[in-house]
Structure formats: C-alpha cells, structure tokens
N, C-alpha and C. Protein backbone atom coordinates (compact mmCIF):
# COMPACT_ATOMS: atom_id res chain seq x y z
N ASP A 1 9.33 -22.38 -9.27
CA ASP A 1 8.33 -23.44 -9.40
C ASP A 1 6.91 -22.93 -9.28
N VAL A 2 6.75 -21.80 -8.57
CA VAL A 2 5.40 -21.28 -8.32
C VAL A 2 5.41 -19.76 -8.49
N VAL A 3 4.36 -19.24 -9.09
CA VAL A 3 4.17 -17.80 -9.20
C VAL A 3 2.94 -17.46 -8.38
N VAL A 4 3.08 -16.45 -7.50
CA VAL A 4 1.94 -15.95 -6.75
C VAL A 4 1.37 -14.78 -7.53
N ARG A 5 0.08 -14.85 -7.86
CA ARG A 5 -0.59 -13.82 -8.64
C ARG A 5 -1.46 -12.95 -7.73
N GLY A 6 -1.63 -11.71 -8.15
CA GLY A 6 -2.52 -10.81 -7.41
C GLY A 6 -1.93 -10.42 -6.06
N GLU A 7 -2.80 -10.16 -5.11
CA GLU A 7 -2.33 -9.82 -3.76
C GLU A 7 -1.70 -11.06 -3.14
N GLY A 8 -0.49 -10.90 -2.65
CA GLY A 8 0.26 -12.06 -2.22
C GLY A 8 0.22 -12.40 -0.75
N GLU A 9 -0.30 -11.52 0.09
CA GLU A 9 -0.18 -11.75 1.53
C GLU A 9 -0.74 -13.10 1.97
N GLU A 10 -1.97 -13.40 1.62
CA GLU A 10 -2.59 -14.66 2.06
C GLU A 10 -2.06 -15.85 1.27
N THR A 11 -1.90 -15.67 -0.04
CA THR A 11 -1.43 -16.77 -0.88
C THR A 11 -0.02 -17.19 -0.49
N PHE A 12 0.87 -16.21 -0.33
CA PHE A 12 2.26 -16.53 -0.01
C PHE A 12 2.37 -17.15 1.38
N THR A 13 1.60 -16.65 2.33
CA THR A 13 1.61 -17.22 3.68
C THR A 13 1.19 -18.69 3.64
N GLU A 14 0.10 -18.96 2.93
CA GLU A 14 -0.37 -20.34 2.82
C GLU A 14 0.66 -21.21 2.10
N LEU A 15 1.26 -20.70 1.04
CA LEU A 15 2.27 -21.44 0.29
C LEU A 15 3.46 -21.82 1.18
N VAL A 16 3.98 -20.85 1.91
CA VAL A 16 5.14 -21.11 2.78
C VAL A 16 4.79 -22.14 3.85
N GLU A 17 3.62 -21.99 4.47
CA GLU A 17 3.22 -22.94 5.51
C GLU A 17 3.13 -24.37 4.97
N LEU A 18 2.54 -24.53 3.79
CA LEU A 18 2.40 -25.87 3.21
C LEU A 18 3.74 -26.44 2.77
N VAL A 19 4.58 -25.62 2.15
CA VAL A 19 5.90 -26.10 1.71
C VAL A 19 6.74 -26.51 2.92
N LEU A 20 6.77 -25.68 3.95
CA LEU A 20 7.58 -25.99 5.14
C LEU A 20 7.08 -27.22 5.89
N SER A 21 5.79 -27.49 5.80
CA SER A 21 5.24 -28.66 6.48
C SER A 21 5.24 -29.90 5.58
N GLY A 22 5.72 -29.74 4.34
CA GLY A 22 5.80 -30.86 3.41
C GLY A 22 4.45 -31.29 2.84
N LYS A 23 3.47 -30.41 2.92
CA LYS A 23 2.13 -30.74 2.41
C LYS A 23 1.95 -30.24 0.98
N ASP A 24 0.92 -30.75 0.32
CA ASP A 24 0.62 -30.39 -1.07
C ASP A 24 0.17 -28.93 -1.16
N TYR A 25 0.85 -28.19 -1.98
CA TYR A 25 0.52 -26.77 -2.16
C TYR A 25 -0.13 -26.50 -3.53
N THR A 26 -0.33 -27.52 -4.32
CA THR A 26 -0.72 -27.33 -5.71
C THR A 26 -2.17 -26.87 -5.90
N ARG A 27 -2.95 -26.88 -4.84
CA ARG A 27 -4.36 -26.47 -4.96
C ARG A 27 -4.63 -25.06 -4.41
N ILE A 28 -3.59 -24.35 -4.05
CA ILE A 28 -3.76 -23.01 -3.49
C ILE A 28 -4.33 -22.06 -4.54
N ASN A 29 -5.35 -21.32 -4.18
CA ASN A 29 -5.87 -20.29 -5.08
C ASN A 29 -4.86 -19.16 -5.19
N GLY A 30 -4.73 -18.60 -6.39
CA GLY A 30 -3.85 -17.46 -6.59
C GLY A 30 -2.44 -17.83 -7.02
N ILE A 31 -2.20 -19.09 -7.41
CA ILE A 31 -0.86 -19.45 -7.88
C ILE A 31 -0.94 -19.99 -9.31
N SER A 32 0.19 -19.92 -9.97
CA SER A 32 0.39 -20.59 -11.26
C SER A 32 1.63 -21.46 -11.09
N ARG A 33 1.66 -22.59 -11.78
CA ARG A 33 2.78 -23.52 -11.63
C ARG A 33 2.86 -24.39 -12.89
N LYS A 34 3.95 -25.12 -12.96
CA LYS A 34 4.11 -26.06 -14.07
C LYS A 34 3.70 -27.45 -13.62
N LYS A 35 3.03 -28.15 -14.54
CA LYS A 35 2.64 -29.54 -14.31
C LYS A 35 2.82 -30.28 -15.62
N ASN A 36 3.72 -31.24 -15.63
CA ASN A 36 4.02 -32.02 -16.84
C ASN A 36 4.38 -31.12 -18.02
N GLY A 37 5.15 -30.07 -17.74
CA GLY A 37 5.62 -29.17 -18.78
C GLY A 37 4.62 -28.11 -19.21
N ASN A 38 3.41 -28.16 -18.68
CA ASN A 38 2.38 -27.18 -19.00
C ASN A 38 2.18 -26.22 -17.82
N ILE A 39 1.78 -24.99 -18.13
CA ILE A 39 1.51 -24.03 -17.07
C ILE A 39 0.06 -24.18 -16.63
N VAL A 40 -0.13 -24.31 -15.32
CA VAL A 40 -1.46 -24.45 -14.73
C VAL A 40 -1.74 -23.21 -13.90
N HIS A 41 -2.88 -22.59 -14.15
CA HIS A 41 -3.30 -21.41 -13.39
C HIS A 41 -4.45 -21.83 -12.47
N ASN A 42 -4.21 -21.82 -11.18
CA ASN A 42 -5.28 -22.09 -10.23
C ASN A 42 -6.23 -20.89 -10.22
N PRO A 43 -7.44 -21.07 -9.69
CA PRO A 43 -8.36 -19.92 -9.61
C PRO A 43 -7.74 -18.76 -8.82
N ASP A 44 -8.18 -17.56 -9.17
CA ASP A 44 -7.72 -16.38 -8.43
C ASP A 44 -8.17 -16.45 -6.99
N ARG A 45 -7.38 -15.87 -6.12
CA ARG A 45 -7.79 -15.71 -4.72
C ARG A 45 -8.57 -14.40 -4.63
N PRO A 46 -9.66 -14.39 -3.88
CA PRO A 46 -10.40 -13.12 -3.72
C PRO A 46 -9.51 -12.04 -3.10
N MET A 47 -9.80 -10.80 -3.44
CA MET A 47 -9.06 -9.68 -2.87
C MET A 47 -9.38 -9.57 -1.38
N ILE A 48 -8.43 -9.04 -0.65
CA ILE A 48 -8.61 -8.85 0.79
C ILE A 48 -9.60 -7.70 0.97
N ARG A 49 -10.69 -7.96 1.66
CA ARG A 49 -11.74 -6.95 1.83
C ARG A 49 -11.31 -5.84 2.79
N ASN A 50 -10.86 -6.23 3.99
CA ASN A 50 -10.49 -5.26 5.01
C ASN A 50 -8.97 -5.17 5.07
N LEU A 51 -8.41 -4.12 4.51
CA LEU A 51 -6.95 -4.00 4.45
C LEU A 51 -6.32 -3.89 5.84
N ASP A 52 -7.08 -3.45 6.83
CA ASP A 52 -6.54 -3.38 8.19
C ASP A 52 -6.25 -4.77 8.76
N ASP A 53 -6.76 -5.83 8.13
CA ASP A 53 -6.46 -7.20 8.55
C ASP A 53 -5.04 -7.62 8.16
N ILE A 54 -4.42 -6.89 7.24
CA ILE A 54 -3.06 -7.21 6.82
C ILE A 54 -2.10 -6.74 7.92
N PRO A 55 -1.19 -7.59 8.36
CA PRO A 55 -0.23 -7.14 9.39
C PRO A 55 0.58 -5.94 8.91
N SER A 56 0.95 -5.10 9.85
CA SER A 56 1.79 -3.95 9.51
C SER A 56 3.14 -4.41 8.99
N PHE A 57 3.75 -3.57 8.20
CA PHE A 57 5.09 -3.87 7.69
C PHE A 57 6.05 -4.03 8.87
N PRO A 58 6.94 -5.01 8.83
CA PRO A 58 7.87 -5.25 9.96
C PRO A 58 9.08 -4.32 9.94
N TYR A 59 8.84 -3.05 10.20
CA TYR A 59 9.93 -2.07 10.19
C TYR A 59 11.05 -2.44 11.15
N HIS A 60 10.71 -3.11 12.23
CA HIS A 60 11.72 -3.47 13.24
C HIS A 60 12.84 -4.33 12.66
N LEU A 61 12.59 -4.99 11.56
CA LEU A 61 13.64 -5.82 10.95
C LEU A 61 14.78 -4.99 10.38
N PHE A 62 14.57 -3.68 10.24
CA PHE A 62 15.60 -2.79 9.71
C PHE A 62 16.43 -2.12 10.82
N GLU A 63 16.03 -2.31 12.07
CA GLU A 63 16.66 -1.56 13.16
C GLU A 63 18.17 -1.75 13.25
N ASN A 64 18.65 -2.95 13.00
CA ASN A 64 20.09 -3.22 13.12
C ASN A 64 20.88 -2.84 11.88
N ILE A 65 20.18 -2.44 10.83
CA ILE A 65 20.87 -2.08 9.58
C ILE A 65 20.36 -0.74 9.04
N MET A 66 20.00 0.15 9.93
CA MET A 66 19.45 1.45 9.52
C MET A 66 20.43 2.23 8.65
N ASP A 67 21.73 2.01 8.83
CA ASP A 67 22.72 2.73 8.02
C ASP A 67 22.61 2.34 6.54
N LYS A 68 22.12 1.14 6.25
CA LYS A 68 21.96 0.69 4.87
C LYS A 68 20.63 1.16 4.27
N TYR A 69 19.66 1.46 5.12
CA TYR A 69 18.33 1.87 4.68
C TYR A 69 17.89 3.13 5.41
N PRO A 70 18.56 4.24 5.14
CA PRO A 70 18.22 5.45 5.88
C PRO A 70 16.85 6.03 5.53
N SER A 71 16.33 5.67 4.37
CA SER A 71 15.05 6.22 3.95
C SER A 71 14.13 5.10 3.48
N PHE A 72 13.23 4.70 4.36
CA PHE A 72 12.26 3.67 3.98
C PHE A 72 10.84 4.07 4.41
N GLY A 73 10.57 5.35 4.37
CA GLY A 73 9.27 5.87 4.77
C GLY A 73 8.23 5.77 3.68
N CYS A 74 7.90 4.56 3.28
CA CYS A 74 6.90 4.34 2.24
C CYS A 74 5.70 3.62 2.84
N ILE A 75 4.51 4.14 2.56
CA ILE A 75 3.30 3.48 3.05
C ILE A 75 2.23 3.49 1.97
N PHE A 76 1.27 2.60 2.15
CA PHE A 76 0.07 2.60 1.33
C PHE A 76 -1.09 2.99 2.22
N THR A 77 -2.00 3.82 1.71
CA THR A 77 -3.21 4.14 2.44
C THR A 77 -4.42 3.48 1.79
N SER A 78 -4.20 2.95 0.58
CA SER A 78 -5.28 2.29 -0.15
C SER A 78 -4.67 1.34 -1.17
N ARG A 79 -5.55 0.59 -1.80
CA ARG A 79 -5.16 -0.26 -2.92
C ARG A 79 -6.17 -0.09 -4.03
N GLY A 80 -5.64 -0.05 -5.24
CA GLY A 80 -6.50 0.00 -6.40
C GLY A 80 -6.91 1.40 -6.77
N CYS A 81 -7.64 1.46 -7.86
CA CYS A 81 -8.12 2.73 -8.38
C CYS A 81 -9.34 2.42 -9.24
N PRO A 82 -10.39 3.21 -9.12
CA PRO A 82 -11.61 2.92 -9.89
C PRO A 82 -11.59 3.43 -11.33
N TYR A 83 -10.53 4.13 -11.72
CA TYR A 83 -10.48 4.72 -13.04
C TYR A 83 -9.95 3.74 -14.08
N LYS A 84 -10.15 4.07 -15.36
CA LYS A 84 -9.79 3.17 -16.46
C LYS A 84 -8.69 3.75 -17.32
N CYS A 85 -7.67 4.33 -16.72
CA CYS A 85 -6.58 4.92 -17.50
C CYS A 85 -5.90 3.83 -18.33
N ILE A 86 -5.73 4.07 -19.61
CA ILE A 86 -5.20 3.04 -20.51
C ILE A 86 -3.72 2.76 -20.28
N PHE A 87 -3.00 3.69 -19.65
CA PHE A 87 -1.56 3.53 -19.46
C PHE A 87 -1.20 2.85 -18.14
N CYS A 88 -2.18 2.60 -17.30
CA CYS A 88 -1.90 2.14 -15.94
C CYS A 88 -2.19 0.65 -15.77
N SER A 89 -1.31 -0.04 -15.07
CA SER A 89 -1.50 -1.47 -14.83
C SER A 89 -2.30 -1.76 -13.57
N SER A 90 -2.63 -0.75 -12.81
CA SER A 90 -3.32 -0.95 -11.53
C SER A 90 -4.61 -1.76 -11.69
N ARG A 91 -5.36 -1.45 -12.72
CA ARG A 91 -6.65 -2.14 -12.89
C ARG A 91 -6.48 -3.62 -13.15
N ASN A 92 -5.33 -4.02 -13.73
CA ASN A 92 -5.07 -5.44 -13.94
C ASN A 92 -4.85 -6.17 -12.63
N ILE A 93 -4.32 -5.48 -11.66
CA ILE A 93 -4.04 -6.08 -10.36
C ILE A 93 -5.25 -5.98 -9.45
N SER A 94 -5.86 -4.79 -9.41
CA SER A 94 -6.93 -4.54 -8.45
C SER A 94 -8.32 -4.83 -9.00
N GLY A 95 -8.42 -5.08 -10.29
CA GLY A 95 -9.73 -5.29 -10.87
C GLY A 95 -10.62 -4.07 -10.72
N MET A 96 -10.00 -2.91 -10.62
CA MET A 96 -10.67 -1.63 -10.43
C MET A 96 -11.43 -1.56 -9.11
N GLN A 97 -11.05 -2.42 -8.16
CA GLN A 97 -11.61 -2.33 -6.82
C GLN A 97 -10.76 -1.38 -6.01
N TYR A 98 -11.37 -0.41 -5.38
CA TYR A 98 -10.67 0.55 -4.54
C TYR A 98 -10.97 0.21 -3.09
N ARG A 99 -9.91 -0.08 -2.33
CA ARG A 99 -10.06 -0.46 -0.92
C ARG A 99 -9.12 0.38 -0.09
N ILE A 100 -9.48 0.60 1.16
CA ILE A 100 -8.72 1.53 1.99
C ILE A 100 -8.29 0.93 3.32
N TYR A 101 -7.17 1.45 3.81
CA TYR A 101 -6.79 1.23 5.20
C TYR A 101 -7.49 2.32 6.02
N SER A 102 -7.73 2.05 7.30
CA SER A 102 -8.34 3.08 8.13
C SER A 102 -7.35 4.23 8.32
N ILE A 103 -7.88 5.43 8.42
CA ILE A 103 -7.03 6.61 8.60
C ILE A 103 -6.25 6.50 9.91
N GLU A 104 -6.86 5.93 10.93
CA GLU A 104 -6.17 5.78 12.22
C GLU A 104 -4.95 4.87 12.08
N ARG A 105 -5.09 3.80 11.34
CA ARG A 105 -3.95 2.90 11.13
C ARG A 105 -2.83 3.61 10.36
N ILE A 106 -3.21 4.33 9.33
CA ILE A 106 -2.22 5.04 8.51
C ILE A 106 -1.43 6.03 9.36
N VAL A 107 -2.14 6.85 10.12
CA VAL A 107 -1.47 7.86 10.94
C VAL A 107 -0.62 7.21 12.02
N SER A 108 -1.07 6.11 12.58
CA SER A 108 -0.27 5.37 13.56
C SER A 108 1.04 4.88 12.94
N GLU A 109 0.97 4.39 11.72
CA GLU A 109 2.16 3.91 11.02
C GLU A 109 3.11 5.07 10.70
N ILE A 110 2.54 6.19 10.29
CA ILE A 110 3.37 7.37 10.01
C ILE A 110 4.06 7.83 11.29
N LYS A 111 3.34 7.83 12.41
CA LYS A 111 3.94 8.22 13.69
C LYS A 111 5.14 7.33 14.02
N LEU A 112 4.98 6.03 13.80
CA LEU A 112 6.07 5.09 14.04
C LEU A 112 7.27 5.43 13.16
N LEU A 113 7.02 5.63 11.87
CA LEU A 113 8.09 5.94 10.95
C LEU A 113 8.81 7.24 11.30
N VAL A 114 8.06 8.22 11.74
CA VAL A 114 8.63 9.54 12.03
C VAL A 114 9.29 9.56 13.41
N GLU A 115 8.58 9.08 14.41
CA GLU A 115 9.06 9.21 15.79
C GLU A 115 10.09 8.16 16.19
N LYS A 116 9.95 6.95 15.71
CA LYS A 116 10.90 5.90 16.07
C LYS A 116 12.04 5.77 15.06
N TYR A 117 11.71 5.90 13.77
CA TYR A 117 12.70 5.65 12.73
C TYR A 117 13.18 6.92 12.02
N ASN A 118 12.77 8.07 12.52
CA ASN A 118 13.29 9.37 12.09
C ASN A 118 13.19 9.59 10.57
N GLN A 119 12.08 9.17 9.99
CA GLN A 119 11.89 9.35 8.55
C GLN A 119 11.47 10.79 8.27
N LYS A 120 12.21 11.43 7.40
CA LYS A 120 11.97 12.84 7.08
C LYS A 120 11.04 13.02 5.88
N THR A 121 10.84 11.94 5.12
CA THR A 121 9.94 11.96 3.98
C THR A 121 9.08 10.71 4.02
N ILE A 122 7.78 10.91 3.88
CA ILE A 122 6.85 9.78 3.80
C ILE A 122 6.30 9.76 2.37
N TRP A 123 6.58 8.67 1.68
CA TRP A 123 6.08 8.47 0.32
C TRP A 123 4.79 7.67 0.42
N ILE A 124 3.69 8.27 0.02
CA ILE A 124 2.42 7.55 -0.01
C ILE A 124 2.33 6.91 -1.39
N MET A 125 2.37 5.60 -1.40
CA MET A 125 2.56 4.83 -2.62
C MET A 125 1.26 4.48 -3.35
N ASP A 126 0.16 5.02 -2.92
CA ASP A 126 -1.13 4.74 -3.55
C ASP A 126 -1.11 5.10 -5.03
N ASP A 127 -1.98 4.45 -5.77
CA ASP A 127 -2.15 4.81 -7.18
C ASP A 127 -2.69 6.23 -7.30
N ASN A 128 -3.55 6.60 -6.35
CA ASN A 128 -4.20 7.91 -6.41
C ASN A 128 -4.61 8.29 -4.98
N ILE A 129 -3.89 9.23 -4.38
CA ILE A 129 -4.13 9.58 -2.98
C ILE A 129 -5.45 10.30 -2.75
N ALA A 130 -6.07 10.79 -3.81
CA ALA A 130 -7.30 11.57 -3.64
C ALA A 130 -8.47 11.00 -4.43
N VAL A 131 -8.52 9.67 -4.58
CA VAL A 131 -9.69 9.06 -5.22
C VAL A 131 -10.94 9.56 -4.50
N ASN A 132 -10.88 9.57 -3.18
CA ASN A 132 -11.97 10.07 -2.36
C ASN A 132 -11.47 11.34 -1.67
N PRO A 133 -11.76 12.51 -2.24
CA PRO A 133 -11.23 13.76 -1.68
C PRO A 133 -11.61 13.97 -0.22
N LYS A 134 -12.82 13.57 0.17
CA LYS A 134 -13.26 13.73 1.57
C LYS A 134 -12.35 12.91 2.50
N ARG A 135 -12.05 11.68 2.11
CA ARG A 135 -11.16 10.83 2.91
C ARG A 135 -9.76 11.42 2.96
N PHE A 136 -9.26 11.89 1.82
CA PHE A 136 -7.92 12.49 1.78
C PHE A 136 -7.85 13.68 2.73
N LYS A 137 -8.88 14.52 2.70
CA LYS A 137 -8.89 15.68 3.58
C LYS A 137 -8.93 15.27 5.05
N SER A 138 -9.70 14.23 5.38
CA SER A 138 -9.74 13.73 6.76
C SER A 138 -8.37 13.23 7.19
N PHE A 139 -7.69 12.54 6.29
CA PHE A 139 -6.34 12.04 6.57
C PHE A 139 -5.39 13.20 6.85
N VAL A 140 -5.37 14.19 5.98
CA VAL A 140 -4.45 15.31 6.15
C VAL A 140 -4.77 16.08 7.43
N LYS A 141 -6.04 16.26 7.73
CA LYS A 141 -6.43 16.95 8.97
C LYS A 141 -5.93 16.21 10.20
N LEU A 142 -5.96 14.88 10.19
CA LEU A 142 -5.44 14.11 11.32
C LEU A 142 -3.92 14.21 11.40
N VAL A 143 -3.25 14.22 10.26
CA VAL A 143 -1.79 14.42 10.22
C VAL A 143 -1.45 15.76 10.88
N ILE A 144 -2.21 16.79 10.55
CA ILE A 144 -1.97 18.12 11.12
C ILE A 144 -2.28 18.12 12.62
N LYS A 145 -3.39 17.52 12.99
CA LYS A 145 -3.78 17.46 14.41
C LYS A 145 -2.70 16.77 15.25
N GLU A 146 -2.09 15.73 14.70
CA GLU A 146 -1.04 14.98 15.40
C GLU A 146 0.32 15.67 15.32
N GLY A 147 0.42 16.76 14.57
CA GLY A 147 1.67 17.50 14.45
C GLY A 147 2.70 16.85 13.56
N LEU A 148 2.31 15.85 12.81
CA LEU A 148 3.25 15.13 11.96
C LEU A 148 3.73 15.98 10.79
N HIS A 149 2.93 16.93 10.37
CA HIS A 149 3.30 17.82 9.26
C HIS A 149 4.50 18.70 9.62
N LYS A 150 4.79 18.82 10.90
CA LYS A 150 5.94 19.62 11.34
C LYS A 150 7.21 18.78 11.45
N LYS A 151 7.06 17.45 11.35
CA LYS A 151 8.18 16.54 11.56
C LYS A 151 8.64 15.83 10.29
N THR A 152 7.81 15.84 9.27
CA THR A 152 8.13 15.12 8.03
C THR A 152 7.41 15.79 6.87
N GLU A 153 7.84 15.46 5.68
CA GLU A 153 7.13 15.92 4.50
C GLU A 153 6.53 14.71 3.80
N PHE A 154 5.57 14.98 2.93
CA PHE A 154 4.85 13.91 2.26
C PHE A 154 4.95 14.06 0.75
N HIS A 155 4.95 12.91 0.07
CA HIS A 155 4.92 12.85 -1.39
C HIS A 155 3.82 11.86 -1.77
N GLY A 156 3.17 12.09 -2.89
CA GLY A 156 2.14 11.18 -3.36
C GLY A 156 1.78 11.48 -4.80
N SER A 157 0.82 10.74 -5.33
CA SER A 157 0.37 10.99 -6.70
C SER A 157 -1.14 10.92 -6.78
N MET A 158 -1.68 11.66 -7.74
CA MET A 158 -3.12 11.65 -7.95
C MET A 158 -3.43 12.01 -9.40
N ARG A 159 -4.67 11.81 -9.76
CA ARG A 159 -5.15 12.25 -11.08
C ARG A 159 -5.41 13.74 -11.02
N GLY A 160 -5.18 14.39 -12.12
CA GLY A 160 -5.40 15.83 -12.19
C GLY A 160 -6.84 16.23 -11.94
N ASP A 161 -7.78 15.37 -12.33
CA ASP A 161 -9.18 15.74 -12.12
C ASP A 161 -9.66 15.49 -10.69
N ASN A 162 -8.78 14.96 -9.83
CA ASN A 162 -9.10 14.86 -8.40
C ASN A 162 -8.60 16.07 -7.63
N LEU A 163 -7.86 16.91 -8.30
CA LEU A 163 -7.29 18.08 -7.65
C LEU A 163 -8.28 19.24 -7.67
N THR A 164 -8.51 19.80 -6.48
CA THR A 164 -9.30 21.02 -6.34
C THR A 164 -8.45 21.99 -5.55
N ASP A 165 -8.84 23.24 -5.55
CA ASP A 165 -8.12 24.23 -4.74
C ASP A 165 -8.12 23.80 -3.27
N GLU A 166 -9.26 23.30 -2.79
CA GLU A 166 -9.38 22.89 -1.39
C GLU A 166 -8.42 21.74 -1.07
N VAL A 167 -8.36 20.74 -1.94
CA VAL A 167 -7.44 19.61 -1.73
C VAL A 167 -6.00 20.10 -1.74
N LEU A 168 -5.64 20.93 -2.71
CA LEU A 168 -4.28 21.42 -2.83
C LEU A 168 -3.87 22.29 -1.64
N GLU A 169 -4.75 23.17 -1.21
CA GLU A 169 -4.44 24.03 -0.07
C GLU A 169 -4.25 23.21 1.21
N LEU A 170 -5.09 22.21 1.42
CA LEU A 170 -4.95 21.38 2.61
C LEU A 170 -3.69 20.52 2.52
N ALA A 171 -3.39 20.00 1.32
CA ALA A 171 -2.16 19.22 1.14
C ALA A 171 -0.94 20.08 1.48
N LYS A 172 -0.95 21.32 1.07
CA LYS A 172 0.16 22.22 1.38
C LYS A 172 0.28 22.42 2.90
N LYS A 173 -0.85 22.63 3.57
CA LYS A 173 -0.84 22.78 5.04
C LYS A 173 -0.31 21.52 5.71
N GLY A 174 -0.61 20.36 5.11
CA GLY A 174 -0.16 19.08 5.66
C GLY A 174 1.28 18.74 5.29
N ASN A 175 1.97 19.65 4.64
CA ASN A 175 3.38 19.51 4.26
C ASN A 175 3.60 18.48 3.15
N PHE A 176 2.66 18.43 2.21
CA PHE A 176 2.89 17.66 0.98
C PHE A 176 3.83 18.52 0.13
N ARG A 177 5.00 18.00 -0.14
CA ARG A 177 6.01 18.74 -0.91
C ARG A 177 6.04 18.34 -2.37
N MET A 178 5.48 17.17 -2.67
CA MET A 178 5.45 16.74 -4.06
C MET A 178 4.18 15.93 -4.29
N ILE A 179 3.44 16.33 -5.30
CA ILE A 179 2.30 15.55 -5.77
C ILE A 179 2.50 15.35 -7.26
N SER A 180 2.59 14.11 -7.65
CA SER A 180 2.78 13.78 -9.06
C SER A 180 1.40 13.52 -9.68
N PHE A 181 1.30 13.81 -10.96
CA PHE A 181 0.05 13.61 -11.67
C PHE A 181 0.25 12.65 -12.81
C-alpha cells in the first residue's frame, strides 16, 4: 500500500507509529501510495544531515541465531558519493550528497562486531571508501591504533582515481584484503 522512498529510517519510523496508532499516514513526506487508483508521490523527505543520529544496527537481535548468520560484519561509514558515474545508482538515492558517520562511531561498531560477535571480515559497504582520502587515512590509523587490524580483515570499494600509493599502503597496514574498483 505504501512505498518508502529515499532514506527510510525517519519515514518508516513515522509510518509504523501512525499505522499502529490508527492515525492518518497519507501526508508523510517520502512516501508514494495509491489513491483512487492513481499513484500519489508525497514530497521527498530531506536527507539526514548527521548520520550519527541514526541508531546503531541492532546486532543483538542476531545473538540467539548466530548459527544462521555467522557472517554479518557489514557497516557503512558514509552515504552517497559526489561523483557522476553514469553506471551508478547512488546519485539517484543520495542526490550526490556525501555524508559521513564519525570515525569514533565507526570504530566503536567495528569493535563490537569483532570483539563481541567474532566477525573475521568487515565489509565496508560505502559507495566509495576513499572519497575523502584524509578521512579514510584517519579511519585506518584509528583501526590500527585500536589493534583491530590484527583481529579482522576489511573489504571495501573505491574509485580508481581516489587510489594513491599512500592510501594503498595504509590500507594494507590496516589489513584491507580486498578493495574493489
């Protein structure tokens, strides 16, 4: 009956609260729905400015079924990408806005995944892990400082023109085992 468009965290939360309380949900920004056989698109919801405001993923919900999900070490460190690659759908979702989680939050989440949930591989699901090479290097340096590079390996993707010898050498020190381009 309803499609949530764009970033869903706020829209879906509002939708569920209104539906469960029996209130009108048809004016929520960021949804599309049918009305009298026609599709109605409500205005877009603005993108979330501070990604650290988004609650952490509820990994604890997997604790009783870890045997079914032995590998769920996937995280995002950012959203969006400022580039205009013709083959990529990211710009349709992010509007070419690049936003980041704080490095401290990211490393805290990785620590949880590695130390509590024994994840041996962390997949960084960003569109481009090195949009900002300085930030990427700060992230990897904190991973090394915390000793996480000795406990897990990392995978991610980036554009070829974001790769420098310095980025690649630091990624190797940080135990990045796969970088896709």
